[in-house]
Amino acid sequence: METTDQQDLVELLFLALYQDGHLSVDENSMLQKALTALGWEPHEKTGPSVGKAFAAVREANSCEATREMYLNERAARLKAAGHSSLALEWLGKVLASDGLDGREERFLEKTRKLLFD
């Protein structure tokens, strides 16, 4: 997986974390597993790459139109790169790690459609 694809997938995971308004211990643990599986080095998990990704997601999440555009762009790039299955797998694992609520289920379904339809 290319670095830009990794960044897109991580940003998608971070955007998913905003759906229920909190980051649980279980979500954080699963997110760390995802970062490791995606090949992020330990220093990257708390370094500038993560900071950059969270800043971008925080900005994108500021309004619905920006959030939708951001999600659509990340999903389209991951789909074009052939990473739809991997993206949906980690997205499902992270969101389900503390139980899915309605907002998370809708986000997961919407992202699935963007990645596969």
N, C-alpha and C. Protein backbone atom coordinates (compact mmCIF):
# COMPACT_ATOMS: atom_id res chain seq x y z
N MET A 1 0.85 -1.18 0.00
CA MET A 1 0.00 0.00 0.00
C MET A 1 0.89 1.24 0.00
N GLU A 2 0.60 2.14 -0.90
CA GLU A 2 1.35 3.39 -0.99
C GLU A 2 1.08 4.28 0.23
N THR A 3 2.01 5.15 0.52
CA THR A 3 1.87 6.06 1.66
C THR A 3 0.62 6.92 1.55
N THR A 4 0.30 7.40 0.35
CA THR A 4 -0.89 8.23 0.19
C THR A 4 -2.16 7.42 0.44
N ASP A 5 -2.15 6.15 0.05
CA ASP A 5 -3.30 5.29 0.32
C ASP A 5 -3.44 5.03 1.82
N GLN A 6 -2.32 4.82 2.49
CA GLN A 6 -2.34 4.65 3.94
C GLN A 6 -2.94 5.88 4.60
N GLN A 7 -2.49 7.05 4.16
CA GLN A 7 -2.98 8.31 4.73
C GLN A 7 -4.49 8.44 4.52
N ASP A 8 -4.96 8.11 3.31
CA ASP A 8 -6.40 8.18 3.03
C ASP A 8 -7.18 7.24 3.93
N LEU A 9 -6.68 6.03 4.11
CA LEU A 9 -7.38 5.06 4.95
C LEU A 9 -7.39 5.50 6.41
N VAL A 10 -6.28 5.98 6.88
CA VAL A 10 -6.22 6.45 8.27
C VAL A 10 -7.14 7.65 8.47
N GLU A 11 -7.17 8.56 7.52
CA GLU A 11 -8.08 9.71 7.63
C GLU A 11 -9.53 9.25 7.61
N LEU A 12 -9.84 8.23 6.84
CA LEU A 12 -11.19 7.68 6.83
C LEU A 12 -11.54 7.09 8.20
N LEU A 13 -10.58 6.38 8.80
CA LEU A 13 -10.79 5.83 10.14
C LEU A 13 -10.99 6.94 11.17
N PHE A 14 -10.19 7.99 11.07
CA PHE A 14 -10.33 9.11 12.01
C PHE A 14 -11.68 9.79 11.84
N LEU A 15 -12.11 9.95 10.59
CA LEU A 15 -13.43 10.56 10.35
C LEU A 15 -14.53 9.70 10.96
N ALA A 16 -14.38 8.39 10.88
CA ALA A 16 -15.37 7.48 11.47
C ALA A 16 -15.46 7.67 12.98
N LEU A 17 -14.33 7.95 13.61
CA LEU A 17 -14.32 8.12 15.06
C LEU A 17 -15.18 9.29 15.52
N TYR A 18 -15.38 10.27 14.66
CA TYR A 18 -16.19 11.44 15.00
C TYR A 18 -17.68 11.14 14.97
N GLN A 19 -18.08 10.01 14.44
CA GLN A 19 -19.50 9.74 14.23
C GLN A 19 -20.31 9.64 15.51
N ASP A 20 -19.71 9.07 16.57
CA ASP A 20 -20.47 8.97 17.81
C ASP A 20 -20.01 9.96 18.87
N GLY A 21 -19.12 10.85 18.50
CA GLY A 21 -18.74 11.94 19.38
C GLY A 21 -17.77 11.60 20.49
N HIS A 22 -17.22 10.38 20.48
CA HIS A 22 -16.22 10.05 21.50
C HIS A 22 -15.27 8.97 20.99
N LEU A 23 -14.13 8.89 21.61
CA LEU A 23 -13.15 7.85 21.31
C LEU A 23 -13.04 6.96 22.53
N SER A 24 -13.57 5.76 22.43
CA SER A 24 -13.53 4.83 23.56
C SER A 24 -12.16 4.16 23.63
N VAL A 25 -11.89 3.54 24.75
CA VAL A 25 -10.65 2.78 24.93
C VAL A 25 -10.59 1.66 23.89
N ASP A 26 -11.73 1.00 23.67
CA ASP A 26 -11.77 -0.10 22.71
C ASP A 26 -11.52 0.39 21.28
N GLU A 27 -12.11 1.52 20.93
CA GLU A 27 -11.87 2.08 19.60
C GLU A 27 -10.41 2.47 19.44
N ASN A 28 -9.85 3.09 20.45
CA ASN A 28 -8.45 3.48 20.38
C ASN A 28 -7.54 2.26 20.23
N SER A 29 -7.83 1.21 20.97
CA SER A 29 -7.05 -0.02 20.87
C SER A 29 -7.12 -0.61 19.46
N MET A 30 -8.31 -0.67 18.90
CA MET A 30 -8.47 -1.20 17.56
C MET A 30 -7.83 -0.28 16.52
N LEU A 31 -7.91 1.02 16.74
CA LEU A 31 -7.26 1.97 15.85
C LEU A 31 -5.75 1.73 15.84
N GLN A 32 -5.17 1.51 17.01
CA GLN A 32 -3.73 1.23 17.09
C GLN A 32 -3.38 -0.05 16.33
N LYS A 33 -4.23 -1.05 16.42
CA LYS A 33 -4.02 -2.30 15.67
C LYS A 33 -4.08 -2.02 14.17
N ALA A 34 -5.02 -1.19 13.75
CA ALA A 34 -5.14 -0.84 12.34
C ALA A 34 -3.89 -0.12 11.86
N LEU A 35 -3.41 0.84 12.64
CA LEU A 35 -2.21 1.58 12.25
C LEU A 35 -1.02 0.64 12.10
N THR A 36 -0.89 -0.29 13.02
CA THR A 36 0.20 -1.27 12.95
C THR A 36 0.05 -2.14 11.71
N ALA A 37 -1.16 -2.63 11.47
CA ALA A 37 -1.41 -3.50 10.31
C ALA A 37 -1.16 -2.77 9.00
N LEU A 38 -1.39 -1.46 8.99
CA LEU A 38 -1.18 -0.67 7.78
C LEU A 38 0.29 -0.29 7.58
N GLY A 39 1.11 -0.67 8.54
CA GLY A 39 2.54 -0.43 8.39
C GLY A 39 3.04 0.88 8.94
N TRP A 40 2.23 1.57 9.73
CA TRP A 40 2.72 2.80 10.32
C TRP A 40 3.71 2.45 11.42
N GLU A 41 4.83 3.11 11.41
CA GLU A 41 5.86 2.89 12.42
C GLU A 41 5.40 3.49 13.75
N PRO A 42 5.90 2.96 14.87
CA PRO A 42 5.46 3.47 16.18
C PRO A 42 5.58 4.99 16.33
N HIS A 43 6.66 5.58 15.82
CA HIS A 43 6.79 7.04 15.96
C HIS A 43 5.76 7.79 15.12
N GLU A 44 5.23 7.16 14.09
CA GLU A 44 4.21 7.81 13.27
C GLU A 44 2.85 7.82 13.94
N LYS A 45 2.62 6.90 14.86
CA LYS A 45 1.31 6.80 15.51
C LYS A 45 1.02 7.98 16.42
N THR A 46 2.04 8.68 16.82
CA THR A 46 1.84 9.87 17.66
C THR A 46 2.54 11.08 17.07
N GLY A 47 3.13 10.93 15.91
CA GLY A 47 3.93 11.99 15.31
C GLY A 47 3.16 12.86 14.34
N PRO A 48 3.90 13.52 13.46
CA PRO A 48 3.30 14.49 12.55
C PRO A 48 2.27 13.90 11.59
N SER A 49 2.44 12.66 11.17
CA SER A 49 1.47 12.07 10.24
C SER A 49 0.09 11.98 10.87
N VAL A 50 0.04 11.53 12.12
CA VAL A 50 -1.23 11.43 12.82
C VAL A 50 -1.78 12.82 13.11
N GLY A 51 -0.93 13.71 13.54
CA GLY A 51 -1.36 15.09 13.80
C GLY A 51 -1.94 15.74 12.55
N LYS A 52 -1.28 15.52 11.43
CA LYS A 52 -1.75 16.07 10.16
C LYS A 52 -3.11 15.48 9.78
N ALA A 53 -3.23 14.16 9.96
CA ALA A 53 -4.48 13.49 9.62
C ALA A 53 -5.63 13.97 10.50
N PHE A 54 -5.39 14.05 11.82
CA PHE A 54 -6.45 14.51 12.72
C PHE A 54 -6.83 15.96 12.43
N ALA A 55 -5.85 16.79 12.12
CA ALA A 55 -6.15 18.20 11.79
C ALA A 55 -7.01 18.28 10.54
N ALA A 56 -6.68 17.49 9.53
CA ALA A 56 -7.46 17.50 8.29
C ALA A 56 -8.88 17.01 8.54
N VAL A 57 -9.02 15.97 9.35
CA VAL A 57 -10.34 15.42 9.64
C VAL A 57 -11.16 16.39 10.49
N ARG A 58 -10.52 17.01 11.46
CA ARG A 58 -11.21 17.98 12.30
C ARG A 58 -11.77 19.12 11.45
N GLU A 59 -10.96 19.60 10.52
CA GLU A 59 -11.39 20.67 9.60
C GLU A 59 -12.53 20.18 8.71
N ALA A 60 -12.40 18.99 8.16
CA ALA A 60 -13.43 18.43 7.28
C ALA A 60 -14.74 18.21 8.01
N ASN A 61 -14.66 17.88 9.28
CA ASN A 61 -15.85 17.58 10.08
C ASN A 61 -16.57 18.83 10.56
N SER A 62 -16.07 19.99 10.20
CA SER A 62 -16.64 21.24 10.70
C SER A 62 -18.04 21.54 10.16
N CYS A 63 -18.36 21.02 8.98
CA CYS A 63 -19.72 21.17 8.45
C CYS A 63 -20.06 19.97 7.57
N GLU A 64 -21.34 19.74 7.39
CA GLU A 64 -21.79 18.53 6.70
C GLU A 64 -21.29 18.48 5.25
N ALA A 65 -21.34 19.60 4.54
CA ALA A 65 -20.92 19.60 3.14
C ALA A 65 -19.43 19.26 3.00
N THR A 66 -18.62 19.83 3.86
CA THR A 66 -17.19 19.56 3.83
C THR A 66 -16.91 18.11 4.20
N ARG A 67 -17.63 17.61 5.20
CA ARG A 67 -17.46 16.22 5.63
C ARG A 67 -17.83 15.26 4.49
N GLU A 68 -18.92 15.53 3.80
CA GLU A 68 -19.34 14.67 2.70
C GLU A 68 -18.31 14.66 1.57
N MET A 69 -17.82 15.83 1.22
CA MET A 69 -16.82 15.94 0.16
C MET A 69 -15.55 15.17 0.56
N TYR A 70 -15.14 15.34 1.79
CA TYR A 70 -13.94 14.69 2.31
C TYR A 70 -14.10 13.16 2.26
N LEU A 71 -15.23 12.67 2.73
CA LEU A 71 -15.50 11.24 2.71
C LEU A 71 -15.52 10.72 1.27
N ASN A 72 -16.21 11.42 0.40
CA ASN A 72 -16.30 10.99 -1.00
C ASN A 72 -14.92 10.93 -1.66
N GLU A 73 -14.09 11.91 -1.40
CA GLU A 73 -12.74 11.94 -1.99
C GLU A 73 -11.90 10.77 -1.49
N ARG A 74 -11.89 10.54 -0.17
CA ARG A 74 -11.08 9.44 0.39
C ARG A 74 -11.57 8.10 -0.13
N ALA A 75 -12.87 7.91 -0.12
CA ALA A 75 -13.44 6.64 -0.57
C ALA A 75 -13.13 6.40 -2.06
N ALA A 76 -13.26 7.45 -2.88
CA ALA A 76 -12.99 7.31 -4.31
C ALA A 76 -11.53 6.94 -4.57
N ARG A 77 -10.62 7.56 -3.86
CA ARG A 77 -9.19 7.26 -4.05
C ARG A 77 -8.86 5.84 -3.58
N LEU A 78 -9.43 5.43 -2.44
CA LEU A 78 -9.18 4.08 -1.95
C LEU A 78 -9.77 3.04 -2.92
N LYS A 79 -10.95 3.32 -3.45
CA LYS A 79 -11.58 2.43 -4.41
C LYS A 79 -10.73 2.33 -5.68
N ALA A 80 -10.27 3.45 -6.19
CA ALA A 80 -9.45 3.47 -7.40
C ALA A 80 -8.13 2.72 -7.21
N ALA A 81 -7.61 2.74 -6.00
CA ALA A 81 -6.34 2.06 -5.70
C ALA A 81 -6.54 0.58 -5.37
N GLY A 82 -7.80 0.13 -5.33
CA GLY A 82 -8.08 -1.27 -5.07
C GLY A 82 -8.07 -1.65 -3.59
N HIS A 83 -8.32 -0.67 -2.72
CA HIS A 83 -8.27 -0.92 -1.28
C HIS A 83 -9.63 -0.87 -0.60
N SER A 84 -10.70 -1.06 -1.36
CA SER A 84 -12.04 -0.98 -0.79
C SER A 84 -12.26 -2.01 0.32
N SER A 85 -11.88 -3.25 0.06
CA SER A 85 -12.12 -4.31 1.05
C SER A 85 -11.34 -4.06 2.33
N LEU A 86 -10.09 -3.68 2.18
CA LEU A 86 -9.26 -3.39 3.35
C LEU A 86 -9.82 -2.22 4.15
N ALA A 87 -10.24 -1.18 3.45
CA ALA A 87 -10.80 -0.01 4.11
C ALA A 87 -12.07 -0.37 4.88
N LEU A 88 -12.96 -1.12 4.25
CA LEU A 88 -14.21 -1.48 4.92
C LEU A 88 -13.95 -2.43 6.09
N GLU A 89 -13.00 -3.32 5.92
CA GLU A 89 -12.66 -4.24 7.01
C GLU A 89 -12.21 -3.49 8.26
N TRP A 90 -11.25 -2.57 8.11
CA TRP A 90 -10.75 -1.83 9.28
C TRP A 90 -11.78 -0.85 9.81
N LEU A 91 -12.53 -0.26 8.93
CA LEU A 91 -13.59 0.65 9.36
C LEU A 91 -14.59 -0.09 10.23
N GLY A 92 -15.01 -1.26 9.79
CA GLY A 92 -15.94 -2.07 10.56
C GLY A 92 -15.37 -2.49 11.90
N LYS A 93 -14.10 -2.89 11.91
CA LYS A 93 -13.47 -3.32 13.15
C LYS A 93 -13.37 -2.18 14.16
N VAL A 94 -12.95 -1.02 13.69
CA VAL A 94 -12.79 0.12 14.60
C VAL A 94 -14.14 0.57 15.14
N LEU A 95 -15.11 0.72 14.27
CA LEU A 95 -16.42 1.20 14.73
C LEU A 95 -17.14 0.18 15.62
N ALA A 96 -17.01 -1.10 15.31
CA ALA A 96 -17.71 -2.13 16.08
C ALA A 96 -17.00 -2.48 17.38
N SER A 97 -15.80 -1.99 17.58
CA SER A 97 -15.02 -2.39 18.75
C SER A 97 -15.70 -2.02 20.06
N ASP A 98 -16.52 -0.98 20.08
CA ASP A 98 -17.26 -0.62 21.29
C ASP A 98 -18.77 -0.68 21.07
N GLY A 99 -19.17 -1.37 20.01
CA GLY A 99 -20.59 -1.47 19.67
C GLY A 99 -20.98 -0.36 18.72
N LEU A 100 -21.79 -0.70 17.76
CA LEU A 100 -22.23 0.28 16.76
C LEU A 100 -23.49 0.99 17.22
N ASP A 101 -23.49 2.30 17.11
CA ASP A 101 -24.74 3.02 17.33
C ASP A 101 -25.30 3.40 15.95
N GLY A 102 -26.43 4.03 15.92
CA GLY A 102 -27.09 4.34 14.66
C GLY A 102 -26.26 5.21 13.73
N ARG A 103 -25.60 6.21 14.28
CA ARG A 103 -24.78 7.09 13.45
C ARG A 103 -23.63 6.33 12.82
N GLU A 104 -23.02 5.45 13.60
CA GLU A 104 -21.90 4.67 13.08
C GLU A 104 -22.37 3.67 12.02
N GLU A 105 -23.53 3.07 12.24
CA GLU A 105 -24.08 2.14 11.24
C GLU A 105 -24.35 2.86 9.93
N ARG A 106 -24.92 4.06 9.99
CA ARG A 106 -25.20 4.84 8.78
C ARG A 106 -23.90 5.23 8.07
N PHE A 107 -22.90 5.63 8.84
CA PHE A 107 -21.62 5.99 8.26
C PHE A 107 -20.98 4.78 7.58
N LEU A 108 -21.03 3.64 8.24
CA LEU A 108 -20.45 2.42 7.69
C LEU A 108 -21.16 2.02 6.39
N GLU A 109 -22.47 2.09 6.38
CA GLU A 109 -23.22 1.73 5.18
C GLU A 109 -22.96 2.73 4.05
N LYS A 110 -22.93 3.98 4.37
CA LYS A 110 -22.66 5.00 3.35
C LYS A 110 -21.28 4.79 2.75
N THR A 111 -20.30 4.53 3.59
CA THR A 111 -18.93 4.32 3.12
C THR A 111 -18.84 3.04 2.30
N ARG A 112 -19.56 1.99 2.72
CA ARG A 112 -19.58 0.75 1.94
C ARG A 112 -20.09 1.02 0.52
N LYS A 113 -21.14 1.80 0.40
CA LYS A 113 -21.69 2.12 -0.92
C LYS A 113 -20.67 2.91 -1.75
N LEU A 114 -19.99 3.85 -1.13
CA LEU A 114 -18.99 4.63 -1.86
C LEU A 114 -17.82 3.76 -2.31
N LEU A 115 -17.45 2.80 -1.50
CA LEU A 115 -16.31 1.94 -1.83
C LEU A 115 -16.62 0.85 -2.85
N PHE A 116 -17.89 0.43 -2.92
CA PHE A 116 -18.21 -0.74 -3.75
C PHE A 116 -19.23 -0.50 -4.85
N ASP A 117 -20.02 0.54 -4.79
CA ASP A 117 -21.04 0.76 -5.83
C ASP A 117 -20.51 1.62 -6.96
